[in-house]
Amino acid sequence: MQRLTERIAVCVATGLYSGFFPIVAGTVGTIPAWLIAYFGFRGDQTLIVSASVVFFVLSVWSAGVGERLWGHDPKKIVMDEWAGMLVSVIALPHTLTAYIVAFFAFRFFDVAKVPPAAQAERLRGGWGITMDDIIAGVYANIFTRLILYGIEHFWPALTGGN
């Protein structure tokens, strides 16, 4: 039974094995979550928030198992990216622009580890692996809102419109 639990945890932790991509595993591992959010949930906030919570719980659990198998914060664990990516699109308009900005903002903030993300990373087990991505998702959400506000209010002036 332990072996089956580990197999399930590996599948979940690696984002259905997307984390095994040999380069930029975090970015590649975020793409399925982005696709699920944009094409699957199509702006349904109940689904996005619910999935964020489910992915968070799955990430803490599976990342904890993955860390015991592979050592501290291995790059192949990407379920934390799934949870963080969904946080980055909570209550955003369901537009391609918003979701693309959120994706790149999330990847930036995930890599940059802006405080308190760096400190959260020091939490034990799956908590540390997951919480820095949740914080990155919050930052990406706020940044995306600022960019969308700027586009809405200043783009017409920049393009010669009203």
N, C-alpha and C. Protein backbone atom coordinates (compact mmCIF):
# COMPACT_ATOMS: atom_id res chain seq x y z
N MET A 1 0.82 -1.20 0.00
CA MET A 1 0.00 0.00 0.00
C MET A 1 0.86 1.26 0.00
N GLN A 2 1.97 1.24 0.74
CA GLN A 2 2.87 2.38 0.78
C GLN A 2 3.39 2.71 -0.62
N ARG A 3 3.73 1.70 -1.37
CA ARG A 3 4.25 1.89 -2.73
C ARG A 3 3.21 2.57 -3.62
N LEU A 4 1.94 2.16 -3.51
CA LEU A 4 0.87 2.77 -4.29
C LEU A 4 0.70 4.23 -3.90
N THR A 5 0.74 4.52 -2.61
CA THR A 5 0.63 5.90 -2.13
C THR A 5 1.77 6.75 -2.69
N GLU A 6 2.98 6.21 -2.69
CA GLU A 6 4.12 6.95 -3.25
C GLU A 6 3.95 7.19 -4.74
N ARG A 7 3.45 6.20 -5.46
CA ARG A 7 3.23 6.36 -6.90
C ARG A 7 2.21 7.46 -7.18
N ILE A 8 1.13 7.48 -6.41
CA ILE A 8 0.11 8.52 -6.57
C ILE A 8 0.71 9.88 -6.23
N ALA A 9 1.47 9.94 -5.14
CA ALA A 9 2.10 11.20 -4.74
C ALA A 9 3.06 11.70 -5.81
N VAL A 10 3.82 10.82 -6.43
CA VAL A 10 4.75 11.21 -7.49
C VAL A 10 3.98 11.76 -8.69
N CYS A 11 2.90 11.10 -9.07
CA CYS A 11 2.07 11.56 -10.19
C CYS A 11 1.52 12.95 -9.89
N VAL A 12 1.02 13.15 -8.68
CA VAL A 12 0.44 14.43 -8.30
C VAL A 12 1.53 15.50 -8.17
N ALA A 13 2.59 15.19 -7.42
CA ALA A 13 3.66 16.18 -7.17
C ALA A 13 4.28 16.68 -8.45
N THR A 14 4.42 15.82 -9.43
CA THR A 14 5.05 16.20 -10.70
C THR A 14 4.05 16.75 -11.71
N GLY A 15 2.85 17.04 -11.25
CA GLY A 15 1.85 17.62 -12.17
C GLY A 15 1.57 16.71 -13.33
N LEU A 16 1.19 15.46 -13.01
CA LEU A 16 0.94 14.43 -14.04
C LEU A 16 2.20 14.21 -14.88
N TYR A 17 3.34 14.24 -14.20
CA TYR A 17 4.66 13.97 -14.76
C TYR A 17 5.24 15.11 -15.60
N SER A 18 4.56 16.25 -15.67
CA SER A 18 5.10 17.39 -16.43
C SER A 18 6.38 17.94 -15.79
N GLY A 19 6.58 17.68 -14.51
CA GLY A 19 7.77 18.15 -13.82
C GLY A 19 9.04 17.41 -14.21
N PHE A 20 8.89 16.31 -14.94
CA PHE A 20 10.07 15.56 -15.39
C PHE A 20 10.69 16.14 -16.65
N PHE A 21 10.13 17.23 -17.19
CA PHE A 21 10.72 17.86 -18.36
C PHE A 21 12.14 18.26 -18.01
N PRO A 22 13.12 17.98 -18.87
CA PRO A 22 14.53 18.15 -18.49
C PRO A 22 15.01 19.59 -18.29
N ILE A 23 14.35 20.57 -18.89
CA ILE A 23 14.77 21.96 -18.70
C ILE A 23 13.55 22.79 -18.28
N VAL A 24 13.78 23.85 -17.57
CA VAL A 24 12.75 24.75 -17.05
C VAL A 24 11.49 24.01 -16.61
N ALA A 25 11.68 23.02 -15.75
CA ALA A 25 10.57 22.17 -15.31
C ALA A 25 9.47 22.98 -14.66
N GLY A 26 9.81 24.02 -13.90
CA GLY A 26 8.79 24.84 -13.25
C GLY A 26 7.90 25.54 -14.25
N THR A 27 8.49 26.08 -15.30
CA THR A 27 7.71 26.77 -16.32
C THR A 27 6.88 25.78 -17.12
N VAL A 28 7.50 24.70 -17.55
CA VAL A 28 6.76 23.68 -18.30
C VAL A 28 5.67 23.07 -17.42
N GLY A 29 5.98 22.87 -16.14
CA GLY A 29 5.00 22.30 -15.22
C GLY A 29 3.85 23.23 -14.90
N THR A 30 4.01 24.52 -15.15
CA THR A 30 2.94 25.50 -14.93
C THR A 30 1.96 25.51 -16.09
N ILE A 31 2.42 25.15 -17.27
CA ILE A 31 1.58 25.23 -18.48
C ILE A 31 0.29 24.41 -18.35
N PRO A 32 0.32 23.16 -17.85
CA PRO A 32 -0.95 22.44 -17.72
C PRO A 32 -1.96 23.15 -16.82
N ALA A 33 -1.50 23.76 -15.74
CA ALA A 33 -2.40 24.49 -14.85
C ALA A 33 -3.01 25.69 -15.57
N TRP A 34 -2.19 26.38 -16.36
CA TRP A 34 -2.68 27.52 -17.13
C TRP A 34 -3.74 27.06 -18.13
N LEU A 35 -3.46 25.96 -18.81
CA LEU A 35 -4.42 25.42 -19.79
C LEU A 35 -5.73 25.00 -19.12
N ILE A 36 -5.62 24.37 -17.97
CA ILE A 36 -6.82 23.96 -17.23
C ILE A 36 -7.63 25.19 -16.83
N ALA A 37 -6.94 26.21 -16.32
CA ALA A 37 -7.63 27.42 -15.88
C ALA A 37 -8.30 28.14 -17.06
N TYR A 38 -7.54 28.33 -18.14
CA TYR A 38 -8.07 29.13 -19.24
C TYR A 38 -9.12 28.37 -20.07
N PHE A 39 -8.78 27.17 -20.49
CA PHE A 39 -9.67 26.43 -21.38
C PHE A 39 -10.68 25.56 -20.63
N GLY A 40 -10.28 25.05 -19.47
CA GLY A 40 -11.16 24.16 -18.72
C GLY A 40 -12.16 24.90 -17.84
N PHE A 41 -11.67 25.84 -17.05
CA PHE A 41 -12.53 26.54 -16.11
C PHE A 41 -13.21 27.76 -16.72
N ARG A 42 -12.62 28.29 -17.78
CA ARG A 42 -13.20 29.38 -18.57
C ARG A 42 -13.76 30.53 -17.72
N GLY A 43 -12.99 30.92 -16.70
CA GLY A 43 -13.39 32.06 -15.89
C GLY A 43 -14.36 31.74 -14.76
N ASP A 44 -14.76 30.50 -14.61
CA ASP A 44 -15.68 30.11 -13.53
C ASP A 44 -14.95 30.22 -12.19
N GLN A 45 -15.24 31.28 -11.45
CA GLN A 45 -14.50 31.56 -10.21
C GLN A 45 -14.70 30.49 -9.15
N THR A 46 -15.86 29.88 -9.12
CA THR A 46 -16.08 28.80 -8.15
C THR A 46 -15.12 27.65 -8.44
N LEU A 47 -14.96 27.29 -9.70
CA LEU A 47 -14.02 26.23 -10.07
C LEU A 47 -12.58 26.64 -9.80
N ILE A 48 -12.23 27.87 -10.12
CA ILE A 48 -10.85 28.33 -9.94
C ILE A 48 -10.48 28.34 -8.45
N VAL A 49 -11.34 28.89 -7.62
CA VAL A 49 -11.05 28.93 -6.18
C VAL A 49 -11.04 27.53 -5.60
N SER A 50 -12.02 26.71 -5.97
CA SER A 50 -12.07 25.32 -5.47
C SER A 50 -10.83 24.55 -5.87
N ALA A 51 -10.45 24.66 -7.14
CA ALA A 51 -9.26 23.95 -7.61
C ALA A 51 -8.00 24.48 -6.94
N SER A 52 -7.95 25.78 -6.67
CA SER A 52 -6.80 26.35 -5.94
C SER A 52 -6.64 25.67 -4.59
N VAL A 53 -7.76 25.52 -3.88
CA VAL A 53 -7.72 24.87 -2.56
C VAL A 53 -7.32 23.41 -2.69
N VAL A 54 -7.92 22.71 -3.64
CA VAL A 54 -7.59 21.29 -3.84
C VAL A 54 -6.12 21.13 -4.23
N PHE A 55 -5.65 21.95 -5.18
CA PHE A 55 -4.25 21.86 -5.59
C PHE A 55 -3.31 22.21 -4.44
N PHE A 56 -3.71 23.17 -3.61
CA PHE A 56 -2.90 23.53 -2.44
C PHE A 56 -2.74 22.32 -1.52
N VAL A 57 -3.85 21.70 -1.17
CA VAL A 57 -3.81 20.54 -0.27
C VAL A 57 -3.01 19.40 -0.89
N LEU A 58 -3.28 19.12 -2.17
CA LEU A 58 -2.53 18.06 -2.86
C LEU A 58 -1.04 18.39 -2.93
N SER A 59 -0.72 19.66 -3.12
CA SER A 59 0.68 20.05 -3.21
C SER A 59 1.41 19.86 -1.88
N VAL A 60 0.81 20.32 -0.79
CA VAL A 60 1.46 20.16 0.51
C VAL A 60 1.72 18.68 0.79
N TRP A 61 0.72 17.85 0.53
CA TRP A 61 0.87 16.40 0.78
C TRP A 61 1.91 15.78 -0.16
N SER A 62 1.71 15.96 -1.47
CA SER A 62 2.57 15.27 -2.43
C SER A 62 3.99 15.82 -2.44
N ALA A 63 4.15 17.12 -2.21
CA ALA A 63 5.49 17.71 -2.15
C ALA A 63 6.24 17.19 -0.93
N GLY A 64 5.53 16.98 0.16
CA GLY A 64 6.16 16.38 1.34
C GLY A 64 6.68 14.99 1.05
N VAL A 65 5.88 14.19 0.35
CA VAL A 65 6.32 12.85 -0.05
C VAL A 65 7.48 12.95 -1.03
N GLY A 66 7.35 13.83 -2.02
CA GLY A 66 8.40 14.01 -3.01
C GLY A 66 9.71 14.46 -2.40
N GLU A 67 9.64 15.31 -1.42
CA GLU A 67 10.87 15.77 -0.76
C GLU A 67 11.56 14.62 -0.02
N ARG A 68 10.77 13.74 0.58
CA ARG A 68 11.37 12.57 1.24
C ARG A 68 12.02 11.64 0.22
N LEU A 69 11.46 11.57 -0.99
CA LEU A 69 12.01 10.69 -2.03
C LEU A 69 13.23 11.29 -2.72
N TRP A 70 13.18 12.62 -3.00
CA TRP A 70 14.18 13.24 -3.87
C TRP A 70 15.05 14.30 -3.20
N GLY A 71 14.82 14.60 -1.94
CA GLY A 71 15.60 15.63 -1.26
C GLY A 71 14.87 16.96 -1.23
N HIS A 72 15.54 17.97 -0.69
CA HIS A 72 14.91 19.26 -0.45
C HIS A 72 14.53 19.99 -1.74
N ASP A 73 13.26 20.35 -1.84
CA ASP A 73 12.69 21.18 -2.92
C ASP A 73 13.18 20.81 -4.33
N PRO A 74 12.96 19.56 -4.74
CA PRO A 74 13.41 19.16 -6.07
C PRO A 74 12.60 19.87 -7.17
N LYS A 75 13.25 20.16 -8.26
CA LYS A 75 12.63 20.91 -9.36
C LYS A 75 11.50 20.13 -10.03
N LYS A 76 11.50 18.82 -9.91
CA LYS A 76 10.46 18.02 -10.57
C LYS A 76 9.10 18.15 -9.90
N ILE A 77 9.06 18.67 -8.67
CA ILE A 77 7.77 18.91 -8.01
C ILE A 77 7.19 20.20 -8.57
N VAL A 78 6.02 20.09 -9.22
CA VAL A 78 5.39 21.26 -9.84
C VAL A 78 3.93 21.45 -9.43
N MET A 79 3.40 20.59 -8.58
CA MET A 79 2.02 20.81 -8.14
C MET A 79 1.90 22.14 -7.40
N ASP A 80 2.97 22.59 -6.78
CA ASP A 80 2.97 23.91 -6.15
C ASP A 80 2.79 25.01 -7.18
N GLU A 81 3.35 24.82 -8.37
CA GLU A 81 3.13 25.77 -9.47
C GLU A 81 1.67 25.76 -9.90
N TRP A 82 1.06 24.60 -9.92
CA TRP A 82 -0.36 24.51 -10.29
C TRP A 82 -1.20 25.33 -9.32
N ALA A 83 -0.96 25.16 -8.02
CA ALA A 83 -1.72 25.90 -7.01
C ALA A 83 -1.46 27.40 -7.15
N GLY A 84 -0.20 27.79 -7.28
CA GLY A 84 0.14 29.20 -7.41
C GLY A 84 -0.41 29.84 -8.67
N MET A 85 -0.38 29.10 -9.78
CA MET A 85 -0.91 29.63 -11.04
C MET A 85 -2.38 29.92 -10.91
N LEU A 86 -3.12 29.03 -10.27
CA LEU A 86 -4.56 29.28 -10.12
C LEU A 86 -4.82 30.47 -9.21
N VAL A 87 -4.03 30.64 -8.17
CA VAL A 87 -4.17 31.81 -7.31
C VAL A 87 -3.95 33.08 -8.12
N SER A 88 -3.04 33.02 -9.08
CA SER A 88 -2.72 34.22 -9.87
C SER A 88 -3.87 34.66 -10.78
N VAL A 89 -4.85 33.79 -11.04
CA VAL A 89 -5.97 34.18 -11.92
C VAL A 89 -7.30 34.32 -11.18
N ILE A 90 -7.28 34.19 -9.87
CA ILE A 90 -8.53 34.34 -9.11
C ILE A 90 -9.10 35.73 -9.33
N ALA A 91 -10.38 35.77 -9.71
CA ALA A 91 -11.15 37.01 -9.90
C ALA A 91 -10.60 37.92 -10.99
N LEU A 92 -9.81 37.37 -11.89
CA LEU A 92 -9.38 38.15 -13.06
C LEU A 92 -10.38 37.95 -14.18
N PRO A 93 -10.47 38.90 -15.11
CA PRO A 93 -11.34 38.68 -16.26
C PRO A 93 -10.82 37.50 -17.08
N HIS A 94 -11.74 36.75 -17.64
CA HIS A 94 -11.35 35.60 -18.45
C HIS A 94 -11.02 36.08 -19.87
N THR A 95 -9.83 36.69 -19.99
CA THR A 95 -9.35 37.14 -21.29
C THR A 95 -7.96 36.55 -21.51
N LEU A 96 -7.61 36.37 -22.76
CA LEU A 96 -6.29 35.84 -23.07
C LEU A 96 -5.20 36.77 -22.54
N THR A 97 -5.40 38.07 -22.67
CA THR A 97 -4.42 39.03 -22.17
C THR A 97 -4.19 38.85 -20.68
N ALA A 98 -5.27 38.82 -19.91
CA ALA A 98 -5.15 38.68 -18.45
C ALA A 98 -4.42 37.40 -18.08
N TYR A 99 -4.76 36.30 -18.73
CA TYR A 99 -4.16 35.01 -18.38
C TYR A 99 -2.70 34.91 -18.82
N ILE A 100 -2.36 35.52 -19.93
CA ILE A 100 -0.96 35.52 -20.37
C ILE A 100 -0.12 36.39 -19.43
N VAL A 101 -0.62 37.57 -19.08
CA VAL A 101 0.11 38.42 -18.13
C VAL A 101 0.27 37.68 -16.81
N ALA A 102 -0.79 37.04 -16.33
CA ALA A 102 -0.74 36.30 -15.06
C ALA A 102 0.29 35.18 -15.13
N PHE A 103 0.36 34.47 -16.24
CA PHE A 103 1.33 33.38 -16.39
C PHE A 103 2.75 33.90 -16.23
N PHE A 104 3.10 34.93 -17.01
CA PHE A 104 4.47 35.45 -16.96
C PHE A 104 4.77 36.13 -15.62
N ALA A 105 3.77 36.80 -15.06
CA ALA A 105 3.97 37.42 -13.75
C ALA A 105 4.20 36.34 -12.69
N PHE A 106 3.41 35.27 -12.77
CA PHE A 106 3.59 34.19 -11.80
C PHE A 106 4.98 33.58 -11.92
N ARG A 107 5.42 33.31 -13.13
CA ARG A 107 6.76 32.72 -13.30
C ARG A 107 7.83 33.67 -12.76
N PHE A 108 7.68 34.98 -13.03
CA PHE A 108 8.65 35.95 -12.52
C PHE A 108 8.69 35.92 -11.00
N PHE A 109 7.53 36.05 -10.36
CA PHE A 109 7.50 36.12 -8.90
C PHE A 109 7.89 34.79 -8.26
N ASP A 110 7.63 33.69 -8.95
CA ASP A 110 8.06 32.39 -8.42
C ASP A 110 9.58 32.28 -8.40
N VAL A 111 10.22 32.77 -9.43
CA VAL A 111 11.68 32.73 -9.50
C VAL A 111 12.30 33.80 -8.60
N ALA A 112 11.71 34.99 -8.56
CA ALA A 112 12.29 36.11 -7.81
C ALA A 112 12.25 35.89 -6.30
N LYS A 113 11.27 35.15 -5.81
CA LYS A 113 11.14 34.87 -4.37
C LYS A 113 11.12 36.15 -3.55
N VAL A 114 10.25 37.08 -3.93
CA VAL A 114 10.09 38.34 -3.22
C VAL A 114 9.55 38.04 -1.81
N PRO A 115 10.15 38.64 -0.78
CA PRO A 115 9.66 38.37 0.59
C PRO A 115 8.15 38.65 0.71
N PRO A 116 7.46 37.84 1.42
CA PRO A 116 7.90 36.77 2.31
C PRO A 116 8.01 35.40 1.65
N ALA A 117 8.03 35.33 0.33
CA ALA A 117 8.13 34.04 -0.35
C ALA A 117 9.43 33.31 0.01
N ALA A 118 10.53 34.04 0.06
CA ALA A 118 11.81 33.41 0.40
C ALA A 118 11.78 32.82 1.80
N GLN A 119 11.14 33.53 2.71
CA GLN A 119 11.04 33.03 4.07
C GLN A 119 10.09 31.83 4.15
N ALA A 120 9.01 31.88 3.40
CA ALA A 120 8.04 30.78 3.40
C ALA A 120 8.67 29.49 2.88
N GLU A 121 9.62 29.64 1.98
CA GLU A 121 10.30 28.49 1.41
C GLU A 121 11.04 27.67 2.48
N ARG A 122 11.33 28.29 3.60
CA ARG A 122 12.05 27.61 4.68
C ARG A 122 11.15 26.74 5.56
N LEU A 123 9.84 26.83 5.35
CA LEU A 123 8.93 25.97 6.12
C LEU A 123 9.25 24.51 5.81
N ARG A 124 8.90 23.64 6.73
CA ARG A 124 9.24 22.22 6.57
C ARG A 124 8.37 21.52 5.52
N GLY A 125 9.01 20.60 4.83
CA GLY A 125 8.31 19.69 3.92
C GLY A 125 7.52 20.38 2.83
N GLY A 126 6.34 19.81 2.58
CA GLY A 126 5.49 20.32 1.52
C GLY A 126 4.99 21.73 1.75
N TRP A 127 4.97 22.18 3.01
CA TRP A 127 4.53 23.54 3.31
C TRP A 127 5.47 24.57 2.68
N GLY A 128 6.75 24.40 2.83
CA GLY A 128 7.72 25.34 2.27
C GLY A 128 7.71 25.33 0.75
N ILE A 129 7.60 24.15 0.19
CA ILE A 129 7.57 24.01 -1.27
C ILE A 129 6.35 24.72 -1.84
N THR A 130 5.23 24.63 -1.14
CA THR A 130 3.97 25.14 -1.65
C THR A 130 3.76 26.62 -1.34
N MET A 131 4.07 27.06 -0.14
CA MET A 131 3.70 28.42 0.28
C MET A 131 4.40 29.52 -0.52
N ASP A 132 5.64 29.29 -0.95
CA ASP A 132 6.29 30.34 -1.74
C ASP A 132 5.57 30.54 -3.07
N ASP A 133 4.99 29.48 -3.60
CA ASP A 133 4.25 29.60 -4.87
C ASP A 133 2.89 30.26 -4.67
N ILE A 134 2.27 30.02 -3.52
CA ILE A 134 1.01 30.70 -3.21
C ILE A 134 1.27 32.20 -3.10
N ILE A 135 2.34 32.56 -2.42
CA ILE A 135 2.69 33.98 -2.30
C ILE A 135 3.01 34.56 -3.67
N ALA A 136 3.75 33.83 -4.50
CA ALA A 136 4.04 34.29 -5.86
C ALA A 136 2.75 34.48 -6.65
N GLY A 137 1.78 33.59 -6.44
CA GLY A 137 0.48 33.72 -7.10
C GLY A 137 -0.26 34.97 -6.67
N VAL A 138 -0.19 35.30 -5.39
CA VAL A 138 -0.83 36.54 -4.89
C VAL A 138 -0.16 37.75 -5.53
N TYR A 139 1.17 37.76 -5.54
CA TYR A 139 1.88 38.87 -6.18
C TYR A 139 1.54 38.97 -7.66
N ALA A 140 1.49 37.85 -8.35
CA ALA A 140 1.17 37.85 -9.78
C ALA A 140 -0.24 38.36 -10.02
N ASN A 141 -1.17 38.00 -9.15
CA ASN A 141 -2.55 38.45 -9.28
C ASN A 141 -2.61 39.97 -9.15
N ILE A 142 -1.94 40.51 -8.14
CA ILE A 142 -1.92 41.96 -7.94
C ILE A 142 -1.25 42.67 -9.11
N PHE A 143 -0.10 42.15 -9.54
CA PHE A 143 0.64 42.74 -10.66
C PHE A 143 -0.22 42.73 -11.93
N THR A 144 -0.89 41.60 -12.18
CA THR A 144 -1.74 41.48 -13.38
C THR A 144 -2.86 42.51 -13.33
N ARG A 145 -3.46 42.70 -12.17
CA ARG A 145 -4.50 43.71 -12.03
C ARG A 145 -3.97 45.11 -12.37
N LEU A 146 -2.76 45.40 -11.91
CA LEU A 146 -2.15 46.71 -12.21
C LEU A 146 -1.90 46.86 -13.71
N ILE A 147 -1.41 45.82 -14.35
CA ILE A 147 -1.16 45.87 -15.80
C ILE A 147 -2.47 46.05 -16.55
N LEU A 148 -3.50 45.30 -16.17
CA LEU A 148 -4.80 45.42 -16.84
C LEU A 148 -5.39 46.82 -16.65
N TYR A 149 -5.23 47.37 -15.45
CA TYR A 149 -5.69 48.73 -15.19
C TYR A 149 -4.95 49.71 -16.11
N GLY A 150 -3.64 49.54 -16.20
CA GLY A 150 -2.85 50.41 -17.07
C GLY A 150 -3.26 50.31 -18.53
N ILE A 151 -3.49 49.10 -18.99
CA ILE A 151 -3.92 48.92 -20.38
C ILE A 151 -5.27 49.59 -20.61
N GLU A 152 -6.19 49.38 -19.68
CA GLU A 152 -7.55 49.92 -19.83
C GLU A 152 -7.56 51.45 -19.79
N HIS A 153 -6.73 52.03 -18.93
CA HIS A 153 -6.80 53.48 -18.73
C HIS A 153 -5.78 54.28 -19.55
N PHE A 154 -4.70 53.66 -19.96
CA PHE A 154 -3.66 54.41 -20.65
C PHE A 154 -3.40 53.97 -22.07
N TRP A 155 -3.80 52.78 -22.45
CA TRP A 155 -3.56 52.31 -23.79
C TRP A 155 -4.17 53.20 -24.87
N PRO A 156 -5.43 53.64 -24.72
CA PRO A 156 -5.99 54.51 -25.76
C PRO A 156 -5.15 55.76 -25.99
N ALA A 157 -4.62 56.35 -24.92
CA ALA A 157 -3.79 57.55 -25.07
C ALA A 157 -2.47 57.22 -25.79
N LEU A 158 -1.95 56.04 -25.50
CA LEU A 158 -0.69 55.65 -26.14
C LEU A 158 -0.86 55.34 -27.62
N THR A 159 -2.05 54.92 -28.01
CA THR A 159 -2.28 54.56 -29.40
C THR A 159 -2.97 55.66 -30.18
N GLY A 160 -3.17 56.83 -29.55
CA GLY A 160 -3.79 57.95 -30.25
C GLY A 160 -5.30 57.94 -30.17
N GLY A 161 -5.86 57.01 -29.44
CA GLY A 161 -7.32 56.94 -29.27
C GLY A 161 -7.78 57.90 -28.19
N ASN A 162 -9.03 57.78 -27.78
CA ASN A 162 -9.59 58.68 -26.76
C ASN A 162 -9.08 58.36 -25.41
